[in-house]
Amino acid sequence: MDPRVRASRTLAGELLDPEFVEVGASGRRWTFEQMLAELPDMTGSFEEGPRYQPSDITGVVLAPGLVHLTYETVRDGRRARRSSLWRRRSGGSGWQMYYHQATPVPPEVA
């Protein structure tokens, strides 16, 4: 997510589904409200400083209006494998992230 979006509760709220849940790389479970409250102050939300570098992005359409994305990120030399479900509700304003999970990748794992 672009730092300008991460720093804005309004813009981030447009990308996250109201039923959003995340299990972060730390193991913490986040809800929509918790994420919007803390996202602007998290690492990666500032123009200067460390940023997430995504790679190997793939997507699979699971059903009409439901896509599963997988990708890897690197930030400060730390890797994570990530998985997210994006859905578009009929009559909705576009795609929104419904679920996200991050799994840390130890340095010795290829």
N, C-alpha and C. Protein backbone atom coordinates (compact mmCIF):
# COMPACT_ATOMS: atom_id res chain seq x y z
N MET A 1 0.85 -1.17 0.00
CA MET A 1 0.00 0.00 0.00
C MET A 1 0.90 1.24 0.00
N ASP A 2 0.61 2.16 -0.85
CA ASP A 2 1.35 3.41 -0.95
C ASP A 2 1.35 4.12 0.41
N PRO A 3 2.50 4.71 0.81
CA PRO A 3 2.54 5.40 2.11
C PRO A 3 1.47 6.47 2.28
N ARG A 4 1.10 7.16 1.20
CA ARG A 4 0.06 8.18 1.32
C ARG A 4 -1.29 7.57 1.65
N VAL A 5 -1.54 6.36 1.15
CA VAL A 5 -2.79 5.66 1.47
C VAL A 5 -2.73 5.12 2.89
N ARG A 6 -1.60 4.51 3.26
CA ARG A 6 -1.44 3.97 4.62
C ARG A 6 -1.61 5.07 5.67
N ALA A 7 -1.16 6.28 5.36
CA ALA A 7 -1.21 7.38 6.32
C ALA A 7 -2.59 8.00 6.43
N SER A 8 -3.50 7.66 5.54
CA SER A 8 -4.84 8.25 5.53
C SER A 8 -5.89 7.22 5.93
N ARG A 9 -6.55 7.45 7.05
CA ARG A 9 -7.61 6.54 7.46
C ARG A 9 -8.74 6.49 6.42
N THR A 10 -9.00 7.62 5.79
CA THR A 10 -10.06 7.68 4.79
C THR A 10 -9.71 6.83 3.57
N LEU A 11 -8.50 7.02 3.02
CA LEU A 11 -8.10 6.26 1.84
C LEU A 11 -7.95 4.78 2.15
N ALA A 12 -7.33 4.45 3.28
CA ALA A 12 -7.17 3.04 3.67
C ALA A 12 -8.54 2.40 3.88
N GLY A 13 -9.47 3.15 4.45
CA GLY A 13 -10.81 2.64 4.69
C GLY A 13 -11.56 2.29 3.42
N GLU A 14 -11.19 2.95 2.32
CA GLU A 14 -11.81 2.63 1.03
C GLU A 14 -11.29 1.31 0.47
N LEU A 15 -10.06 0.93 0.83
CA LEU A 15 -9.47 -0.32 0.33
C LEU A 15 -9.75 -1.52 1.21
N LEU A 16 -10.09 -1.28 2.47
CA LEU A 16 -10.36 -2.39 3.39
C LEU A 16 -11.86 -2.62 3.50
N ASP A 17 -12.26 -3.87 3.41
CA ASP A 17 -13.65 -4.26 3.58
C ASP A 17 -14.07 -4.00 5.03
N PRO A 18 -15.29 -3.56 5.29
CA PRO A 18 -15.73 -3.34 6.67
C PRO A 18 -15.62 -4.59 7.55
N GLU A 19 -15.60 -5.78 6.93
CA GLU A 19 -15.45 -7.03 7.68
C GLU A 19 -14.00 -7.53 7.66
N PHE A 20 -13.06 -6.65 7.30
CA PHE A 20 -11.64 -6.99 7.19
C PHE A 20 -11.09 -7.60 8.47
N VAL A 21 -10.24 -8.63 8.27
CA VAL A 21 -9.48 -9.26 9.35
C VAL A 21 -8.08 -9.53 8.81
N GLU A 22 -7.08 -9.30 9.64
CA GLU A 22 -5.70 -9.62 9.28
C GLU A 22 -5.07 -10.42 10.41
N VAL A 23 -4.26 -11.40 10.02
CA VAL A 23 -3.34 -12.05 10.94
C VAL A 23 -1.96 -11.63 10.46
N GLY A 24 -1.33 -10.73 11.22
CA GLY A 24 -0.06 -10.17 10.81
C GLY A 24 1.10 -11.12 11.00
N ALA A 25 2.27 -10.71 10.49
CA ALA A 25 3.48 -11.53 10.63
C ALA A 25 3.85 -11.73 12.09
N SER A 26 3.40 -10.84 12.96
CA SER A 26 3.65 -10.98 14.40
C SER A 26 2.72 -12.00 15.05
N GLY A 27 1.68 -12.39 14.33
CA GLY A 27 0.67 -13.28 14.89
C GLY A 27 -0.53 -12.53 15.44
N ARG A 28 -0.43 -11.20 15.48
CA ARG A 28 -1.54 -10.40 16.00
C ARG A 28 -2.72 -10.42 15.03
N ARG A 29 -3.92 -10.47 15.60
CA ARG A 29 -5.15 -10.41 14.80
C ARG A 29 -5.64 -8.97 14.81
N TRP A 30 -5.96 -8.46 13.63
CA TRP A 30 -6.42 -7.09 13.46
C TRP A 30 -7.82 -7.09 12.88
N THR A 31 -8.65 -6.17 13.34
CA THR A 31 -9.96 -5.94 12.74
C THR A 31 -9.89 -4.67 11.89
N PHE A 32 -10.93 -4.40 11.16
CA PHE A 32 -11.03 -3.18 10.35
C PHE A 32 -10.77 -1.94 11.21
N GLU A 33 -11.47 -1.84 12.34
CA GLU A 33 -11.34 -0.66 13.20
C GLU A 33 -9.94 -0.53 13.77
N GLN A 34 -9.37 -1.65 14.23
CA GLN A 34 -8.02 -1.61 14.79
C GLN A 34 -7.00 -1.20 13.74
N MET A 35 -7.13 -1.75 12.55
CA MET A 35 -6.17 -1.43 11.49
C MET A 35 -6.25 0.04 11.11
N LEU A 36 -7.45 0.56 10.94
CA LEU A 36 -7.57 1.98 10.58
C LEU A 36 -7.04 2.89 11.67
N ALA A 37 -7.21 2.49 12.93
CA ALA A 37 -6.72 3.31 14.04
C ALA A 37 -5.20 3.36 14.09
N GLU A 38 -4.53 2.26 13.75
CA GLU A 38 -3.08 2.18 13.94
C GLU A 38 -2.27 2.28 12.66
N LEU A 39 -2.86 2.01 11.51
CA LEU A 39 -2.12 1.99 10.25
C LEU A 39 -1.33 3.27 9.98
N PRO A 40 -1.87 4.47 10.21
CA PRO A 40 -1.10 5.67 9.89
C PRO A 40 0.22 5.79 10.66
N ASP A 41 0.34 5.13 11.81
CA ASP A 41 1.55 5.22 12.61
C ASP A 41 2.49 4.03 12.43
N MET A 42 2.12 3.07 11.60
CA MET A 42 2.93 1.87 11.40
C MET A 42 4.07 2.12 10.42
N THR A 43 5.11 1.29 10.53
CA THR A 43 6.21 1.33 9.58
C THR A 43 5.65 1.15 8.17
N GLY A 44 6.19 1.93 7.24
CA GLY A 44 5.73 1.85 5.85
C GLY A 44 4.70 2.90 5.52
N SER A 45 4.30 3.70 6.53
CA SER A 45 3.28 4.72 6.32
C SER A 45 3.87 6.11 6.11
N PHE A 46 5.17 6.19 5.95
CA PHE A 46 5.83 7.48 5.81
C PHE A 46 6.60 7.51 4.49
N GLU A 47 6.62 8.66 3.85
CA GLU A 47 7.35 8.80 2.58
C GLU A 47 8.82 8.46 2.77
N GLU A 48 9.42 8.93 3.88
CA GLU A 48 10.80 8.59 4.18
C GLU A 48 10.77 7.33 5.04
N GLY A 49 11.86 6.61 5.02
CA GLY A 49 11.93 5.43 5.87
C GLY A 49 11.67 4.15 5.11
N PRO A 50 11.68 3.04 5.84
CA PRO A 50 11.54 1.73 5.20
C PRO A 50 10.19 1.57 4.52
N ARG A 51 10.23 0.89 3.38
CA ARG A 51 8.99 0.61 2.65
C ARG A 51 8.96 -0.86 2.29
N TYR A 52 7.77 -1.37 2.15
CA TYR A 52 7.59 -2.75 1.73
C TYR A 52 7.84 -2.85 0.23
N GLN A 53 8.66 -3.81 -0.18
CA GLN A 53 8.93 -4.05 -1.59
C GLN A 53 8.26 -5.37 -1.98
N PRO A 54 7.16 -5.33 -2.73
CA PRO A 54 6.46 -6.56 -3.10
C PRO A 54 7.11 -7.25 -4.31
N SER A 55 6.94 -8.56 -4.39
CA SER A 55 7.42 -9.32 -5.55
C SER A 55 6.57 -10.59 -5.69
N ASP A 56 6.73 -11.24 -6.83
CA ASP A 56 6.06 -12.52 -7.11
C ASP A 56 4.56 -12.47 -6.84
N ILE A 57 3.92 -11.43 -7.33
CA ILE A 57 2.48 -11.26 -7.12
C ILE A 57 1.71 -12.15 -8.10
N THR A 58 0.83 -12.97 -7.55
CA THR A 58 -0.04 -13.80 -8.39
C THR A 58 -1.46 -13.71 -7.85
N GLY A 59 -2.41 -13.89 -8.74
CA GLY A 59 -3.81 -13.83 -8.34
C GLY A 59 -4.60 -14.94 -8.99
N VAL A 60 -5.61 -15.42 -8.27
CA VAL A 60 -6.49 -16.46 -8.76
C VAL A 60 -7.93 -16.03 -8.48
N VAL A 61 -8.77 -16.06 -9.49
CA VAL A 61 -10.19 -15.77 -9.30
C VAL A 61 -10.83 -17.01 -8.69
N LEU A 62 -11.34 -16.89 -7.47
CA LEU A 62 -11.98 -18.01 -6.78
C LEU A 62 -13.45 -18.12 -7.12
N ALA A 63 -14.07 -16.99 -7.35
CA ALA A 63 -15.50 -16.91 -7.68
C ALA A 63 -15.74 -15.50 -8.21
N PRO A 64 -16.87 -15.26 -8.86
CA PRO A 64 -17.15 -13.89 -9.29
C PRO A 64 -17.09 -12.95 -8.08
N GLY A 65 -16.27 -11.91 -8.20
CA GLY A 65 -16.15 -10.94 -7.12
C GLY A 65 -15.24 -11.36 -5.98
N LEU A 66 -14.43 -12.43 -6.15
CA LEU A 66 -13.53 -12.89 -5.09
C LEU A 66 -12.20 -13.34 -5.71
N VAL A 67 -11.11 -12.67 -5.31
CA VAL A 67 -9.78 -12.96 -5.84
C VAL A 67 -8.82 -13.24 -4.69
N HIS A 68 -7.98 -14.26 -4.86
CA HIS A 68 -6.95 -14.60 -3.88
C HIS A 68 -5.60 -14.15 -4.43
N LEU A 69 -4.92 -13.24 -3.73
CA LEU A 69 -3.59 -12.77 -4.13
C LEU A 69 -2.55 -13.36 -3.20
N THR A 70 -1.41 -13.76 -3.77
CA THR A 70 -0.26 -14.14 -2.97
C THR A 70 0.94 -13.36 -3.47
N TYR A 71 1.85 -13.03 -2.55
CA TYR A 71 3.04 -12.28 -2.92
C TYR A 71 4.02 -12.31 -1.75
N GLU A 72 5.23 -11.83 -2.01
CA GLU A 72 6.24 -11.71 -0.97
C GLU A 72 6.58 -10.25 -0.80
N THR A 73 6.99 -9.90 0.41
CA THR A 73 7.48 -8.55 0.65
C THR A 73 8.82 -8.62 1.36
N VAL A 74 9.61 -7.56 1.17
CA VAL A 74 10.86 -7.37 1.91
C VAL A 74 10.82 -5.96 2.47
N ARG A 75 11.14 -5.84 3.75
CA ARG A 75 11.26 -4.52 4.40
C ARG A 75 12.37 -4.63 5.41
N ASP A 76 13.35 -3.76 5.30
CA ASP A 76 14.52 -3.80 6.19
C ASP A 76 15.19 -5.17 6.19
N GLY A 77 15.23 -5.84 5.04
CA GLY A 77 15.87 -7.14 4.94
C GLY A 77 15.04 -8.30 5.44
N ARG A 78 13.85 -8.03 5.97
CA ARG A 78 12.98 -9.11 6.47
C ARG A 78 11.95 -9.46 5.41
N ARG A 79 11.83 -10.77 5.17
CA ARG A 79 10.88 -11.25 4.16
C ARG A 79 9.62 -11.79 4.82
N ALA A 80 8.53 -11.68 4.08
CA ALA A 80 7.27 -12.29 4.52
C ALA A 80 6.52 -12.77 3.29
N ARG A 81 5.86 -13.89 3.44
CA ARG A 81 4.94 -14.38 2.40
C ARG A 81 3.55 -13.93 2.81
N ARG A 82 2.82 -13.41 1.85
CA ARG A 82 1.53 -12.80 2.16
C ARG A 82 0.43 -13.36 1.28
N SER A 83 -0.76 -13.39 1.85
CA SER A 83 -1.93 -13.90 1.16
C SER A 83 -3.10 -12.99 1.52
N SER A 84 -3.86 -12.61 0.52
CA SER A 84 -5.02 -11.76 0.81
C SER A 84 -6.19 -12.14 -0.09
N LEU A 85 -7.37 -11.95 0.46
CA LEU A 85 -8.61 -12.15 -0.29
C LEU A 85 -9.21 -10.78 -0.55
N TRP A 86 -9.52 -10.53 -1.81
CA TRP A 86 -10.15 -9.28 -2.21
C TRP A 86 -11.53 -9.60 -2.75
N ARG A 87 -12.50 -8.79 -2.33
CA ARG A 87 -13.85 -9.04 -2.85
C ARG A 87 -14.48 -7.74 -3.33
N ARG A 88 -15.39 -7.93 -4.26
CA ARG A 88 -16.16 -6.80 -4.79
C ARG A 88 -17.62 -7.17 -4.62
N ARG A 89 -18.30 -6.39 -3.84
CA ARG A 89 -19.73 -6.64 -3.61
C ARG A 89 -20.54 -6.00 -4.73
N SER A 90 -21.64 -6.63 -5.07
CA SER A 90 -22.49 -6.05 -6.10
C SER A 90 -22.98 -4.69 -5.63
N GLY A 91 -22.87 -3.72 -6.51
CA GLY A 91 -23.26 -2.36 -6.16
C GLY A 91 -22.22 -1.65 -5.32
N GLY A 92 -21.08 -2.31 -5.08
CA GLY A 92 -20.03 -1.72 -4.25
C GLY A 92 -19.18 -0.74 -5.03
N SER A 93 -18.22 -0.16 -4.34
CA SER A 93 -17.40 0.88 -4.95
C SER A 93 -16.10 0.35 -5.53
N GLY A 94 -15.92 -0.94 -5.59
CA GLY A 94 -14.69 -1.51 -6.14
C GLY A 94 -14.17 -2.64 -5.27
N TRP A 95 -12.95 -3.03 -5.53
CA TRP A 95 -12.33 -4.13 -4.80
C TRP A 95 -11.88 -3.68 -3.42
N GLN A 96 -12.10 -4.54 -2.44
CA GLN A 96 -11.67 -4.26 -1.07
C GLN A 96 -11.03 -5.52 -0.48
N MET A 97 -9.98 -5.31 0.32
CA MET A 97 -9.32 -6.43 0.97
C MET A 97 -10.18 -6.91 2.13
N TYR A 98 -10.55 -8.19 2.05
CA TYR A 98 -11.42 -8.81 3.04
C TYR A 98 -10.61 -9.54 4.12
N TYR A 99 -9.49 -10.16 3.71
CA TYR A 99 -8.66 -10.92 4.64
C TYR A 99 -7.22 -10.82 4.20
N HIS A 100 -6.31 -10.78 5.18
CA HIS A 100 -4.88 -10.73 4.87
C HIS A 100 -4.13 -11.52 5.92
N GLN A 101 -3.12 -12.27 5.48
CA GLN A 101 -2.26 -12.99 6.41
C GLN A 101 -0.82 -12.88 5.94
N ALA A 102 0.08 -12.65 6.90
CA ALA A 102 1.51 -12.56 6.60
C ALA A 102 2.25 -13.61 7.43
N THR A 103 3.19 -14.28 6.79
CA THR A 103 4.01 -15.28 7.47
C THR A 103 5.47 -14.90 7.29
N PRO A 104 6.20 -14.68 8.40
CA PRO A 104 7.61 -14.34 8.27
C PRO A 104 8.40 -15.49 7.64
N VAL A 105 9.40 -15.13 6.84
CA VAL A 105 10.27 -16.13 6.21
C VAL A 105 11.65 -16.00 6.85
N PRO A 106 12.11 -17.04 7.55
CA PRO A 106 13.44 -16.98 8.16
C PRO A 106 14.53 -16.79 7.10
N PRO A 107 15.64 -16.14 7.44
CA PRO A 107 16.70 -15.88 6.46
C PRO A 107 17.23 -17.13 5.76
N GLU A 108 17.21 -18.28 6.45
CA GLU A 108 17.78 -19.49 5.85
C GLU A 108 16.84 -20.19 4.87
N VAL A 109 15.60 -19.71 4.73
CA VAL A 109 14.63 -20.32 3.83
C VAL A 109 14.68 -19.62 2.48
N ALA A 110 14.74 -20.42 1.42
CA ALA A 110 14.81 -19.84 0.07
C ALA A 110 13.46 -19.38 -0.40
